[in-house]
Amino acid sequence: EPSTEPLTIQAESESRCVLCTWSVREPSCPLQTLVASNLATSVCFHSYLVFAGLADGVICLWDLREQSTIHCRSFLKQPDWLLRSPTYISANLERDKRHLSSVVSVKILPESNSDDSAKTTTIQTP
């Protein structure tokens, strides 16, 4: 049986970056279209979350559970595309608290606690 794991491609458009998730079962249309403010240099998935590190040092997070009604639709071509803006973006942090160099890698690390049932995840950037 074919894998249902999403595949990812990336395309740059002027100063923005468009990231798409795909299903091998439906290759004619992306599952999600994510828009970032700069070139994505690192991307990772965790369940329903997508994290991207950008060339300008910004970290973006998209929660794929968000309702489509809060995102823009593009009607330039058929079918209409749902363009998801980030749920969280680190560019809003104060300048002295944010990362300013290009993000090399974004990884999800499990955080172990004494109680194994209470695990959380953290984002680590080099």
PDB file of N, CA and C in Angstrom:
ATOM      1  N   GLU A   1       0.844  -1.190   0.000  1.00  0.00           N
ATOM      2  CA  GLU A   1       0.000   0.000   0.000  1.00  0.00           C
ATOM      3  C   GLU A   1       0.881   1.242   0.000  1.00  0.00           C
ATOM      4  N   PRO A   2       0.542   2.254  -0.796  1.00  0.00           N
ATOM      5  CA  PRO A   2       1.355   3.467  -0.856  1.00  0.00           C
ATOM      6  C   PRO A   2       1.352   4.211   0.474  1.00  0.00           C
ATOM      7  N   SER A   3       2.433   4.921   0.711  1.00  0.00           N
ATOM      8  CA  SER A   3       2.554   5.725   1.924  1.00  0.00           C
ATOM      9  C   SER A   3       1.584   6.896   1.874  1.00  0.00           C
ATOM     10  N   THR A   4       1.012   7.231   3.023  1.00  0.00           N
ATOM     11  CA  THR A   4       0.134   8.398   3.109  1.00  0.00           C
ATOM     12  C   THR A   4       0.844   9.578   3.747  1.00  0.00           C
ATOM     13  N   GLU A   5       2.151   9.422   4.008  1.00  0.00           N
ATOM     14  CA  GLU A   5       2.930  10.525   4.571  1.00  0.00           C
ATOM     15  C   GLU A   5       3.011  11.655   3.559  1.00  0.00           C
ATOM     16  N   PRO A   6       2.816  12.908   4.009  1.00  0.00           N
ATOM     17  CA  PRO A   6       2.911  14.016   3.062  1.00  0.00           C
ATOM     18  C   PRO A   6       4.328  14.225   2.568  1.00  0.00           C
ATOM     19  N   LEU A   7       4.452  14.586   1.319  1.00  0.00           N
ATOM     20  CA  LEU A   7       5.730  14.961   0.735  1.00  0.00           C
ATOM     21  C   LEU A   7       5.765  16.478   0.671  1.00  0.00           C
ATOM     22  N   THR A   8       6.939  17.064   0.643  1.00  0.00           N
ATOM     23  CA  THR A   8       7.044  18.515   0.668  1.00  0.00           C
ATOM     24  C   THR A   8       7.860  19.017  -0.501  1.00  0.00           C
ATOM     25  N   ILE A   9       7.398  20.084  -1.126  1.00  0.00           N
ATOM     26  CA  ILE A   9       8.198  20.808  -2.098  1.00  0.00           C
ATOM     27  C   ILE A   9       8.185  22.269  -1.702  1.00  0.00           C
ATOM     28  N   GLN A  10       9.053  23.005  -2.277  1.00  0.00           N
ATOM     29  CA  GLN A  10       9.185  24.414  -1.918  1.00  0.00           C
ATOM     30  C   GLN A  10       9.422  25.217  -3.183  1.00  0.00           C
ATOM     31  N   ALA A  11       8.827  26.368  -3.268  1.00  0.00           N
ATOM     32  CA  ALA A  11       9.049  27.262  -4.404  1.00  0.00           C
ATOM     33  C   ALA A  11       9.135  28.686  -3.891  1.00  0.00           C
ATOM     34  N   GLU A  12      10.033  29.451  -4.470  1.00  0.00           N
ATOM     35  CA  GLU A  12      10.219  30.830  -4.035  1.00  0.00           C
ATOM     36  C   GLU A  12       9.506  31.768  -5.001  1.00  0.00           C
ATOM     37  N   SER A  13       8.829  32.760  -4.481  1.00  0.00           N
ATOM     38  CA  SER A  13       8.139  33.762  -5.281  1.00  0.00           C
ATOM     39  C   SER A  13       8.477  35.126  -4.720  1.00  0.00           C
ATOM     40  N   GLU A  14       9.326  35.867  -5.440  1.00  0.00           N
ATOM     41  CA  GLU A  14       9.845  37.149  -4.983  1.00  0.00           C
ATOM     42  C   GLU A  14      10.437  36.973  -3.589  1.00  0.00           C
ATOM     43  N   SER A  15       9.963  37.739  -2.599  1.00  0.00           N
ATOM     44  CA  SER A  15      10.540  37.607  -1.262  1.00  0.00           C
ATOM     45  C   SER A  15       9.761  36.618  -0.405  1.00  0.00           C
ATOM     46  N   ARG A  16       8.738  36.020  -0.941  1.00  0.00           N
ATOM     47  CA  ARG A  16       7.942  35.059  -0.179  1.00  0.00           C
ATOM     48  C   ARG A  16       8.304  33.637  -0.579  1.00  0.00           C
ATOM     49  N   CYS A  17       7.904  32.732   0.267  1.00  0.00           N
ATOM     50  CA  CYS A  17       8.151  31.320  -0.003  1.00  0.00           C
ATOM     51  C   CYS A  17       6.828  30.581   0.152  1.00  0.00           C
ATOM     52  N   VAL A  18       6.564  29.673  -0.748  1.00  0.00           N
ATOM     53  CA  VAL A  18       5.367  28.851  -0.683  1.00  0.00           C
ATOM     54  C   VAL A  18       5.809  27.419  -0.448  1.00  0.00           C
ATOM     55  N   LEU A  19       5.285  26.818   0.609  1.00  0.00           N
ATOM     56  CA  LEU A  19       5.573  25.418   0.913  1.00  0.00           C
ATOM     57  C   LEU A  19       4.285  24.634   0.732  1.00  0.00           C
ATOM     58  N   CYS A  20       4.369  23.494   0.089  1.00  0.00           N
ATOM     59  CA  CYS A  20       3.184  22.674  -0.136  1.00  0.00           C
ATOM     60  C   CYS A  20       3.398  21.295   0.455  1.00  0.00           C
ATOM     61  N   THR A  21       2.349  20.748   1.049  1.00  0.00           N
ATOM     62  CA  THR A  21       2.378  19.354   1.472  1.00  0.00           C
ATOM     63  C   THR A  21       1.536  18.569   0.470  1.00  0.00           C
ATOM     64  N   TRP A  22       1.994  17.375   0.174  1.00  0.00           N
ATOM     65  CA  TRP A  22       1.365  16.557  -0.854  1.00  0.00           C
ATOM     66  C   TRP A  22       1.066  15.172  -0.311  1.00  0.00           C
ATOM     67  N   SER A  23       0.104  14.533  -0.908  1.00  0.00           N
ATOM     68  CA  SER A  23      -0.179  13.132  -0.634  1.00  0.00           C
ATOM     69  C   SER A  23       0.132  12.347  -1.899  1.00  0.00           C
ATOM     70  N   VAL A  24       0.803  11.215  -1.747  1.00  0.00           N
ATOM     71  CA  VAL A  24       1.084  10.387  -2.918  1.00  0.00           C
ATOM     72  C   VAL A  24      -0.200   9.770  -3.471  1.00  0.00           C
ATOM     73  N   ARG A  25      -1.246   9.754  -2.676  1.00  0.00           N
ATOM     74  CA  ARG A  25      -2.535   9.236  -3.148  1.00  0.00           C
ATOM     75  C   ARG A  25      -3.292  10.251  -3.999  1.00  0.00           C
ATOM     76  N   GLU A  26      -2.957  11.532  -3.850  1.00  0.00           N
ATOM     77  CA  GLU A  26      -3.607  12.595  -4.622  1.00  0.00           C
ATOM     78  C   GLU A  26      -2.548  13.588  -5.082  1.00  0.00           C
ATOM     79  N   PRO A  27      -1.709  13.188  -6.060  1.00  0.00           N
ATOM     80  CA  PRO A  27      -0.581  14.033  -6.462  1.00  0.00           C
ATOM     81  C   PRO A  27      -0.948  15.232  -7.333  1.00  0.00           C
ATOM     82  N   SER A  28      -2.193  15.348  -7.754  1.00  0.00           N
ATOM     83  CA  SER A  28      -2.562  16.443  -8.654  1.00  0.00           C
ATOM     84  C   SER A  28      -2.792  17.770  -7.939  1.00  0.00           C
ATOM     85  N   CYS A  29      -2.918  17.735  -6.623  1.00  0.00           N
ATOM     86  CA  CYS A  29      -3.225  18.959  -5.886  1.00  0.00           C
ATOM     87  C   CYS A  29      -2.608  18.875  -4.487  1.00  0.00           C
ATOM     88  N   PRO A  30      -1.961  19.948  -4.020  1.00  0.00           N
ATOM     89  CA  PRO A  30      -1.374  19.897  -2.677  1.00  0.00           C
ATOM     90  C   PRO A  30      -2.448  19.817  -1.593  1.00  0.00           C
ATOM     91  N   LEU A  31      -2.087  19.187  -0.479  1.00  0.00           N
ATOM     92  CA  LEU A  31      -2.993  19.127   0.668  1.00  0.00           C
ATOM     93  C   LEU A  31      -3.108  20.491   1.339  1.00  0.00           C
ATOM     94  N   GLN A  32      -1.966  21.129   1.540  1.00  0.00           N
ATOM     95  CA  GLN A  32      -1.921  22.459   2.142  1.00  0.00           C
ATOM     96  C   GLN A  32      -0.909  23.306   1.389  1.00  0.00           C
ATOM     97  N   THR A  33      -1.187  24.614   1.345  1.00  0.00           N
ATOM     98  CA  THR A  33      -0.265  25.581   0.765  1.00  0.00           C
ATOM     99  C   THR A  33       0.059  26.593   1.853  1.00  0.00           C
ATOM    100  N   LEU A  34       1.315  26.589   2.296  1.00  0.00           N
ATOM    101  CA  LEU A  34       1.757  27.431   3.404  1.00  0.00           C
ATOM    102  C   LEU A  34       2.586  28.577   2.852  1.00  0.00           C
ATOM    103  N   VAL A  35       2.358  29.781   3.333  1.00  0.00           N
ATOM    104  CA  VAL A  35       3.062  30.959   2.839  1.00  0.00           C
ATOM    105  C   VAL A  35       3.944  31.517   3.947  1.00  0.00           C
ATOM    106  N   ALA A  36       5.217  31.758   3.611  1.00  0.00           N
ATOM    107  CA  ALA A  36       6.177  32.354   4.549  1.00  0.00           C
ATOM    108  C   ALA A  36       6.701  33.653   3.950  1.00  0.00           C
ATOM    109  N   SER A  37       7.237  34.504   4.803  1.00  0.00           N
ATOM    110  CA  SER A  37       7.683  35.833   4.374  1.00  0.00           C
ATOM    111  C   SER A  37       9.068  35.844   3.740  1.00  0.00           C
ATOM    112  N   ASN A  38       9.783  34.718   3.781  1.00  0.00           N
ATOM    113  CA  ASN A  38      11.130  34.649   3.224  1.00  0.00           C
ATOM    114  C   ASN A  38      11.415  33.205   2.839  1.00  0.00           C
ATOM    115  N   LEU A  39      12.545  32.965   2.211  1.00  0.00           N
ATOM    116  CA  LEU A  39      12.932  31.623   1.780  1.00  0.00           C
ATOM    117  C   LEU A  39      13.051  30.679   2.970  1.00  0.00           C
ATOM    118  N   ALA A  40      12.384  29.530   2.906  1.00  0.00           N
ATOM    119  CA  ALA A  40      12.491  28.513   3.955  1.00  0.00           C
ATOM    120  C   ALA A  40      13.791  27.742   3.763  1.00  0.00           C
ATOM    121  N   THR A  41      14.621  27.715   4.799  1.00  0.00           N
ATOM    122  CA  THR A  41      15.902  27.016   4.737  1.00  0.00           C
ATOM    123  C   THR A  41      15.860  25.681   5.464  1.00  0.00           C
ATOM    124  N   SER A  42      14.851  25.469   6.296  1.00  0.00           N
ATOM    125  CA  SER A  42      14.688  24.213   7.016  1.00  0.00           C
ATOM    126  C   SER A  42      13.214  24.034   7.363  1.00  0.00           C
ATOM    127  N   VAL A  43      12.709  22.819   7.164  1.00  0.00           N
ATOM    128  CA  VAL A  43      11.301  22.535   7.450  1.00  0.00           C
ATOM    129  C   VAL A  43      11.212  21.194   8.156  1.00  0.00           C
ATOM    130  N   CYS A  44      10.312  21.102   9.139  1.00  0.00           N
ATOM    131  CA  CYS A  44      10.041  19.797   9.746  1.00  0.00           C
ATOM    132  C   CYS A  44       8.570  19.707  10.141  1.00  0.00           C
ATOM    133  N   PHE A  45       8.097  18.476  10.256  1.00  0.00           N
ATOM    134  CA  PHE A  45       6.715  18.187  10.602  1.00  0.00           C
ATOM    135  C   PHE A  45       6.666  17.527  11.964  1.00  0.00           C
ATOM    136  N   HIS A  46       5.578  17.766  12.673  1.00  0.00           N
ATOM    137  CA  HIS A  46       5.292  17.038  13.899  1.00  0.00           C
ATOM    138  C   HIS A  46       3.773  16.935  13.997  1.00  0.00           C
ATOM    139  N   SER A  47       3.254  15.774  13.696  1.00  0.00           N
ATOM    140  CA  SER A  47       1.823  15.538  13.757  1.00  0.00           C
ATOM    141  C   SER A  47       1.097  16.541  12.857  1.00  0.00           C
ATOM    142  N   TYR A  48       0.333  17.448  13.410  1.00  0.00           N
ATOM    143  CA  TYR A  48      -0.427  18.441  12.654  1.00  0.00           C
ATOM    144  C   TYR A  48       0.280  19.795  12.599  1.00  0.00           C
ATOM    145  N   LEU A  49       1.528  19.867  13.038  1.00  0.00           N
ATOM    146  CA  LEU A  49       2.292  21.116  13.037  1.00  0.00           C
ATOM    147  C   LEU A  49       3.389  21.076  11.981  1.00  0.00           C
ATOM    148  N   VAL A  50       3.619  22.221  11.340  1.00  0.00           N
ATOM    149  CA  VAL A  50       4.733  22.378  10.407  1.00  0.00           C
ATOM    150  C   VAL A  50       5.570  23.541  10.913  1.00  0.00           C
ATOM    151  N   PHE A  51       6.877  23.322  11.028  1.00  0.00           N
ATOM    152  CA  PHE A  51       7.817  24.345  11.472  1.00  0.00           C
ATOM    153  C   PHE A  51       8.742  24.675  10.310  1.00  0.00           C
ATOM    154  N   ALA A  52       9.061  25.960  10.143  1.00  0.00           N
ATOM    155  CA  ALA A  52      10.011  26.360   9.103  1.00  0.00           C
ATOM    156  C   ALA A  52      10.941  27.417   9.664  1.00  0.00           C
ATOM    157  N   GLY A  53      12.233  27.239   9.393  1.00  0.00           N
ATOM    158  CA  GLY A  53      13.222  28.263   9.678  1.00  0.00           C
ATOM    159  C   GLY A  53      13.499  28.996   8.383  1.00  0.00           C
ATOM    160  N   LEU A  54      13.561  30.316   8.439  1.00  0.00           N
ATOM    161  CA  LEU A  54      13.698  31.117   7.226  1.00  0.00           C
ATOM    162  C   LEU A  54      15.093  31.712   7.087  1.00  0.00           C
ATOM    163  N   ALA A  55      15.405  32.173   5.899  1.00  0.00           N
ATOM    164  CA  ALA A  55      16.720  32.741   5.599  1.00  0.00           C
ATOM    165  C   ALA A  55      17.010  33.994   6.412  1.00  0.00           C
ATOM    166  N   ASP A  56      15.971  34.695   6.850  1.00  0.00           N
ATOM    167  CA  ASP A  56      16.175  35.916   7.638  1.00  0.00           C
ATOM    168  C   ASP A  56      16.169  35.663   9.140  1.00  0.00           C
ATOM    169  N   GLY A  57      16.192  34.383   9.559  1.00  0.00           N
ATOM    170  CA  GLY A  57      16.246  34.039  10.976  1.00  0.00           C
ATOM    171  C   GLY A  57      14.904  33.849  11.640  1.00  0.00           C
ATOM    172  N   VAL A  58      13.835  34.049  10.923  1.00  0.00           N
ATOM    173  CA  VAL A  58      12.489  33.919  11.483  1.00  0.00           C
ATOM    174  C   VAL A  58      12.096  32.442  11.559  1.00  0.00           C
ATOM    175  N   ILE A  59      11.365  32.084  12.615  1.00  0.00           N
ATOM    176  CA  ILE A  59      10.782  30.747  12.762  1.00  0.00           C
ATOM    177  C   ILE A  59       9.273  30.887  12.575  1.00  0.00           C
ATOM    178  N   CYS A  60       8.704  30.049  11.713  1.00  0.00           N
ATOM    179  CA  CYS A  60       7.253  30.037  11.487  1.00  0.00           C
ATOM    180  C   CYS A  60       6.693  28.695  11.935  1.00  0.00           C
ATOM    181  N   LEU A  61       5.462  28.722  12.405  1.00  0.00           N
ATOM    182  CA  LEU A  61       4.748  27.514  12.790  1.00  0.00           C
ATOM    183  C   LEU A  61       3.354  27.586  12.191  1.00  0.00           C
ATOM    184  N   TRP A  62       2.929  26.510  11.560  1.00  0.00           N
ATOM    185  CA  TRP A  62       1.567  26.401  11.043  1.00  0.00           C
ATOM    186  C   TRP A  62       0.877  25.260  11.768  1.00  0.00           C
ATOM    187  N   ASP A  63      -0.310  25.520  12.283  1.00  0.00           N
ATOM    188  CA  ASP A  63      -1.146  24.489  12.893  1.00  0.00           C
ATOM    189  C   ASP A  63      -2.167  24.084  11.835  1.00  0.00           C
ATOM    190  N   LEU A  64      -2.007  22.899  11.277  1.00  0.00           N
ATOM    191  CA  LEU A  64      -2.850  22.463  10.169  1.00  0.00           C
ATOM    192  C   LEU A  64      -4.277  22.140  10.600  1.00  0.00           C
ATOM    193  N   ARG A  65      -4.542  22.203  11.917  1.00  0.00           N
ATOM    194  CA  ARG A  65      -5.908  21.985  12.409  1.00  0.00           C
ATOM    195  C   ARG A  65      -6.750  23.261  12.329  1.00  0.00           C
ATOM    196  N   GLU A  66      -6.103  24.392  12.085  1.00  0.00           N
ATOM    197  CA  GLU A  66      -6.850  25.651  12.035  1.00  0.00           C
ATOM    198  C   GLU A  66      -7.922  25.597  10.953  1.00  0.00           C
ATOM    199  N   GLN A  67      -9.033  26.236  11.228  1.00  0.00           N
ATOM    200  CA  GLN A  67     -10.120  26.259  10.259  1.00  0.00           C
ATOM    201  C   GLN A  67      -9.721  27.084   9.040  1.00  0.00           C
ATOM    202  N   SER A  68     -10.138  26.646   7.890  1.00  0.00           N
ATOM    203  CA  SER A  68      -9.763  27.316   6.641  1.00  0.00           C
ATOM    204  C   SER A  68     -10.355  28.716   6.527  1.00  0.00           C
ATOM    205  N   THR A  69     -11.389  29.015   7.273  1.00  0.00           N
ATOM    206  CA  THR A  69     -12.047  30.320   7.162  1.00  0.00           C
ATOM    207  C   THR A  69     -11.172  31.474   7.639  1.00  0.00           C
ATOM    208  N   ILE A  70     -10.114  31.203   8.390  1.00  0.00           N
ATOM    209  CA  ILE A  70      -9.254  32.293   8.864  1.00  0.00           C
ATOM    210  C   ILE A  70      -8.082  32.555   7.919  1.00  0.00           C
ATOM    211  N   HIS A  71      -8.020  31.844   6.807  1.00  0.00           N
ATOM    212  CA  HIS A  71      -6.929  32.000   5.847  1.00  0.00           C
ATOM    213  C   HIS A  71      -7.451  32.529   4.515  1.00  0.00           C
ATOM    214  N   CYS A  72      -6.540  33.102   3.717  1.00  0.00           N
ATOM    215  CA  CYS A  72      -6.898  33.673   2.405  1.00  0.00           C
ATOM    216  C   CYS A  72      -7.114  32.580   1.376  1.00  0.00           C
ATOM    217  N   ARG A  73      -8.027  32.849   0.473  1.00  0.00           N
ATOM    218  CA  ARG A  73      -8.212  31.982  -0.688  1.00  0.00           C
ATOM    219  C   ARG A  73      -7.783  32.753  -1.916  1.00  0.00           C
ATOM    220  N   SER A  74      -7.078  32.068  -2.804  1.00  0.00           N
ATOM    221  CA  SER A  74      -6.663  32.667  -4.069  1.00  0.00           C
ATOM    222  C   SER A  74      -7.535  32.085  -5.168  1.00  0.00           C
ATOM    223  N   PHE A  75      -8.161  32.956  -5.935  1.00  0.00           N
ATOM    224  CA  PHE A  75      -9.038  32.505  -7.013  1.00  0.00           C
ATOM    225  C   PHE A  75      -8.424  32.769  -8.381  1.00  0.00           C
ATOM    226  N   LEU A  76      -7.083  32.893  -8.424  1.00  0.00           N
ATOM    227  CA  LEU A  76      -6.418  33.193  -9.686  1.00  0.00           C
ATOM    228  C   LEU A  76      -6.490  32.035 -10.664  1.00  0.00           C
ATOM    229  N   LYS A  77      -6.424  30.832 -10.169  1.00  0.00           N
ATOM    230  CA  LYS A  77      -6.462  29.646 -11.021  1.00  0.00           C
ATOM    231  C   LYS A  77      -7.390  28.628 -10.384  1.00  0.00           C
ATOM    232  N   GLN A  78      -7.853  27.709 -11.187  1.00  0.00           N
ATOM    233  CA  GLN A  78      -8.675  26.635 -10.647  1.00  0.00           C
ATOM    234  C   GLN A  78      -7.786  25.476 -10.256  1.00  0.00           C
ATOM    235  N   PRO A  79      -7.985  24.758  -9.203  1.00  0.00           N
ATOM    236  CA  PRO A  79      -8.979  25.082  -8.187  1.00  0.00           C
ATOM    237  C   PRO A  79      -8.499  26.239  -7.325  1.00  0.00           C
ATOM    238  N   ASP A  80      -9.395  26.811  -6.557  1.00  0.00           N
ATOM    239  CA  ASP A  80      -8.983  27.904  -5.675  1.00  0.00           C
ATOM    240  C   ASP A  80      -8.051  27.336  -4.602  1.00  0.00           C
ATOM    241  N   TRP A  81      -7.026  28.097  -4.277  1.00  0.00           N
ATOM    242  CA  TRP A  81      -6.003  27.655  -3.343  1.00  0.00           C
ATOM    243  C   TRP A  81      -6.218  28.321  -1.997  1.00  0.00           C
ATOM    244  N   LEU A  82      -6.127  27.557  -0.946  1.00  0.00           N
ATOM    245  CA  LEU A  82      -6.171  28.097   0.404  1.00  0.00           C
ATOM    246  C   LEU A  82      -4.736  28.395   0.807  1.00  0.00           C
ATOM    247  N   LEU A  83      -4.410  29.661   0.993  1.00  0.00           N
ATOM    248  CA  LEU A  83      -3.057  30.073   1.355  1.00  0.00           C
ATOM    249  C   LEU A  83      -2.999  30.264   2.862  1.00  0.00           C
ATOM    250  N   ARG A  84      -2.283  29.375   3.536  1.00  0.00           N
ATOM    251  CA  ARG A  84      -2.209  29.428   4.998  1.00  0.00           C
ATOM    252  C   ARG A  84      -1.051  30.306   5.442  1.00  0.00           C
ATOM    253  N   SER A  85      -1.367  31.339   6.192  1.00  0.00           N
ATOM    254  CA  SER A  85      -0.320  32.148   6.812  1.00  0.00           C
ATOM    255  C   SER A  85       0.076  31.467   8.123  1.00  0.00           C
ATOM    256  N   PRO A  86       1.261  31.774   8.657  1.00  0.00           N
ATOM    257  CA  PRO A  86       1.711  31.091   9.872  1.00  0.00           C
ATOM    258  C   PRO A  86       0.791  31.357  11.069  1.00  0.00           C
ATOM    259  N   THR A  87       0.642  30.348  11.899  1.00  0.00           N
ATOM    260  CA  THR A  87      -0.069  30.479  13.165  1.00  0.00           C
ATOM    261  C   THR A  87       0.771  31.294  14.137  1.00  0.00           C
ATOM    262  N   TYR A  88       2.079  31.062  14.088  1.00  0.00           N
ATOM    263  CA  TYR A  88       3.033  31.791  14.938  1.00  0.00           C
ATOM    264  C   TYR A  88       4.224  32.178  14.074  1.00  0.00           C
ATOM    265  N   ILE A  89       4.766  33.373  14.318  1.00  0.00           N
ATOM    266  CA  ILE A  89       5.958  33.822  13.611  1.00  0.00           C
ATOM    267  C   ILE A  89       6.835  34.597  14.589  1.00  0.00           C
ATOM    268  N   SER A  90       8.117  34.246  14.634  1.00  0.00           N
ATOM    269  CA  SER A  90       9.017  34.866  15.615  1.00  0.00           C
ATOM    270  C   SER A  90       9.423  36.286  15.242  1.00  0.00           C
ATOM    271  N   ALA A  91       9.074  36.758  14.063  1.00  0.00           N
ATOM    272  CA  ALA A  91       9.430  38.119  13.644  1.00  0.00           C
ATOM    273  C   ALA A  91       8.797  39.164  14.545  1.00  0.00           C
ATOM    274  N   ASN A  92       7.760  38.790  15.270  1.00  0.00           N
ATOM    275  CA  ASN A  92       7.087  39.725  16.160  1.00  0.00           C
ATOM    276  C   ASN A  92       7.813  39.897  17.486  1.00  0.00           C
ATOM    277  N   LEU A  93       8.847  39.105  17.724  1.00  0.00           N
ATOM    278  CA  LEU A  93       9.620  39.240  18.957  1.00  0.00           C
ATOM    279  C   LEU A  93      10.458  40.510  18.913  1.00  0.00           C
ATOM    280  N   GLU A  94      10.817  41.009  20.088  1.00  0.00           N
ATOM    281  CA  GLU A  94      11.713  42.159  20.144  1.00  0.00           C
ATOM    282  C   GLU A  94      13.033  41.793  19.487  1.00  0.00           C
ATOM    283  N   ARG A  95      13.657  42.756  18.831  1.00  0.00           N
ATOM    284  CA  ARG A  95      14.869  42.501  18.043  1.00  0.00           C
ATOM    285  C   ARG A  95      15.957  41.791  18.848  1.00  0.00           C
ATOM    286  N   ASP A  96      16.162  42.155  20.104  1.00  0.00           N
ATOM    287  CA  ASP A  96      17.221  41.533  20.896  1.00  0.00           C
ATOM    288  C   ASP A  96      16.856  40.134  21.388  1.00  0.00           C
ATOM    289  N   LYS A  97      15.627  39.676  21.148  1.00  0.00           N
ATOM    290  CA  LYS A  97      15.199  38.350  21.597  1.00  0.00           C
ATOM    291  C   LYS A  97      15.008  37.367  20.450  1.00  0.00           C
ATOM    292  N   ARG A  98      15.247  37.807  19.228  1.00  0.00           N
ATOM    293  CA  ARG A  98      15.013  36.899  18.110  1.00  0.00           C
ATOM    294  C   ARG A  98      16.308  36.551  17.393  1.00  0.00           C
ATOM    295  N   HIS A  99      16.239  35.486  16.661  1.00  0.00           N
ATOM    296  CA  HIS A  99      17.346  34.961  15.881  1.00  0.00           C
ATOM    297  C   HIS A  99      17.428  35.763  14.589  1.00  0.00           C
ATOM    298  N   LEU A 100      18.607  36.260  14.205  1.00  0.00           N
ATOM    299  CA  LEU A 100      18.725  37.117  13.025  1.00  0.00           C
ATOM    300  C   LEU A 100      19.462  36.476  11.853  1.00  0.00           C
ATOM    301  N   SER A 101      20.187  35.391  12.083  1.00  0.00           N
ATOM    302  CA  SER A 101      20.911  34.718  11.001  1.00  0.00           C
ATOM    303  C   SER A 101      20.013  33.674  10.351  1.00  0.00           C
ATOM    304  N   SER A 102      20.396  33.249   9.164  1.00  0.00           N
ATOM    305  CA  SER A 102      19.649  32.216   8.463  1.00  0.00           C
ATOM    306  C   SER A 102      19.542  30.961   9.326  1.00  0.00           C
ATOM    307  N   VAL A 103      18.357  30.392   9.391  1.00  0.00           N
ATOM    308  CA  VAL A 103      18.146  29.183  10.185  1.00  0.00           C
ATOM    309  C   VAL A 103      18.674  27.998   9.384  1.00  0.00           C
ATOM    310  N   VAL A 104      19.581  27.249   9.981  1.00  0.00           N
ATOM    311  CA  VAL A 104      20.207  26.113   9.312  1.00  0.00           C
ATOM    312  C   VAL A 104      19.372  24.850   9.480  1.00  0.00           C
ATOM    313  N   SER A 105      18.775  24.674  10.654  1.00  0.00           N
ATOM    314  CA  SER A 105      18.031  23.455  10.919  1.00  0.00           C
ATOM    315  C   SER A 105      16.978  23.703  11.988  1.00  0.00           C
ATOM    316  N   VAL A 106      15.815  23.118  11.794  1.00  0.00           N
ATOM    317  CA  VAL A 106      14.756  23.135  12.800  1.00  0.00           C
ATOM    318  C   VAL A 106      14.430  21.680  13.093  1.00  0.00           C
ATOM    319  N   LYS A 107      14.476  21.299  14.356  1.00  0.00           N
ATOM    320  CA  LYS A 107      14.209  19.919  14.756  1.00  0.00           C
ATOM    321  C   LYS A 107      13.247  19.899  15.929  1.00  0.00           C
ATOM    322  N   ILE A 108      12.418  18.894  15.979  1.00  0.00           N
ATOM    323  CA  ILE A 108      11.520  18.678  17.101  1.00  0.00           C
ATOM    324  C   ILE A 108      12.184  17.660  18.013  1.00  0.00           C
ATOM    325  N   LEU A 109      12.352  18.019  19.263  1.00  0.00           N
ATOM    326  CA  LEU A 109      12.985  17.136  20.232  1.00  0.00           C
ATOM    327  C   LEU A 109      12.000  16.777  21.330  1.00  0.00           C
ATOM    328  N   PRO A 110      11.870  15.498  21.654  1.00  0.00           N
ATOM    329  CA  PRO A 110      11.007  15.144  22.778  1.00  0.00           C
ATOM    330  C   PRO A 110      11.665  15.582  24.079  1.00  0.00           C
ATOM    331  N   GLU A 111      10.873  16.126  24.954  1.00  0.00           N
ATOM    332  CA  GLU A 111      11.371  16.533  26.262  1.00  0.00           C
ATOM    333  C   GLU A 111      10.913  15.495  27.265  1.00  0.00           C
ATOM    334  N   SER A 112      11.854  14.786  27.869  1.00  0.00           N
ATOM    335  CA  SER A 112      11.468  13.730  28.798  1.00  0.00           C
ATOM    336  C   SER A 112      11.295  14.308  30.197  1.00  0.00           C
ATOM    337  N   ASN A 113      10.251  13.860  30.851  1.00  0.00           N
ATOM    338  CA  ASN A 113       9.958  14.214  32.235  1.00  0.00           C
ATOM    339  C   ASN A 113      10.035  12.956  33.078  1.00  0.00           C
ATOM    340  N   SER A 114       9.960  13.112  34.375  1.00  0.00           N
ATOM    341  CA  SER A 114       9.960  11.937  35.238  1.00  0.00           C
ATOM    342  C   SER A 114       8.703  11.114  34.999  1.00  0.00           C
ATOM    343  N   ASP A 115       7.621  11.761  34.623  1.00  0.00           N
ATOM    344  CA  ASP A 115       6.378  11.077  34.296  1.00  0.00           C
ATOM    345  C   ASP A 115       6.300  10.935  32.779  1.00  0.00           C
ATOM    346  N   ASP A 116       6.459   9.716  32.262  1.00  0.00           N
ATOM    347  CA  ASP A 116       6.474   9.488  30.817  1.00  0.00           C
ATOM    348  C   ASP A 116       5.173   9.888  30.137  1.00  0.00           C
ATOM    349  N   SER A 117       4.078   9.933  30.880  1.00  0.00           N
ATOM    350  CA  SER A 117       2.803  10.283  30.265  1.00  0.00           C
ATOM    351  C   SER A 117       2.680  11.783  30.014  1.00  0.00           C
ATOM    352  N   ALA A 118       3.578  12.580  30.572  1.00  0.00           N
ATOM    353  CA  ALA A 118       3.509  14.038  30.405  1.00  0.00           C
ATOM    354  C   ALA A 118       4.673  14.523  29.557  1.00  0.00           C
ATOM    355  N   LYS A 119       4.713  14.132  28.294  1.00  0.00           N
ATOM    356  CA  LYS A 119       5.791  14.541  27.396  1.00  0.00           C
ATOM    357  C   LYS A 119       5.364  15.734  26.568  1.00  0.00           C
ATOM    358  N   THR A 120       6.299  16.633  26.341  1.00  0.00           N
ATOM    359  CA  THR A 120       6.054  17.793  25.495  1.00  0.00           C
ATOM    360  C   THR A 120       7.148  17.847  24.444  1.00  0.00           C
ATOM    361  N   THR A 121       7.025  18.760  23.519  1.00  0.00           N
ATOM    362  CA  THR A 121       8.062  18.925  22.508  1.00  0.00           C
ATOM    363  C   THR A 121       8.581  20.350  22.536  1.00  0.00           C
ATOM    364  N   THR A 122       9.828  20.499  22.140  1.00  0.00           N
ATOM    365  CA  THR A 122      10.434  21.822  22.055  1.00  0.00           C
ATOM    366  C   THR A 122      11.087  21.965  20.692  1.00  0.00           C
ATOM    367  N   ILE A 123      11.308  23.196  20.286  1.00  0.00           N
ATOM    368  CA  ILE A 123      11.989  23.475  19.025  1.00  0.00           C
ATOM    369  C   ILE A 123      13.412  23.867  19.358  1.00  0.00           C
ATOM    370  N   GLN A 124      14.369  23.298  18.651  1.00  0.00           N
ATOM    371  CA  GLN A 124      15.766  23.667  18.851  1.00  0.00           C
ATOM    372  C   GLN A 124      16.317  24.199  17.542  1.00  0.00           C
ATOM    373  N   THR A 125      16.960  25.347  17.607  1.00  0.00           N
ATOM    374  CA  THR A 125      17.654  25.877  16.436  1.00  0.00           C
ATOM    375  C   THR A 125      19.113  26.046  16.790  1.00  0.00           C
ATOM    376  N   PRO A 126      20.019  25.711  15.869  1.00  0.00           N
ATOM    377  CA  PRO A 126      21.445  25.821  16.180  1.00  0.00           C
ATOM    378  C   PRO A 126      21.876  27.263  16.383  1.00  0.00           C
TER     379      PRO A 126
END
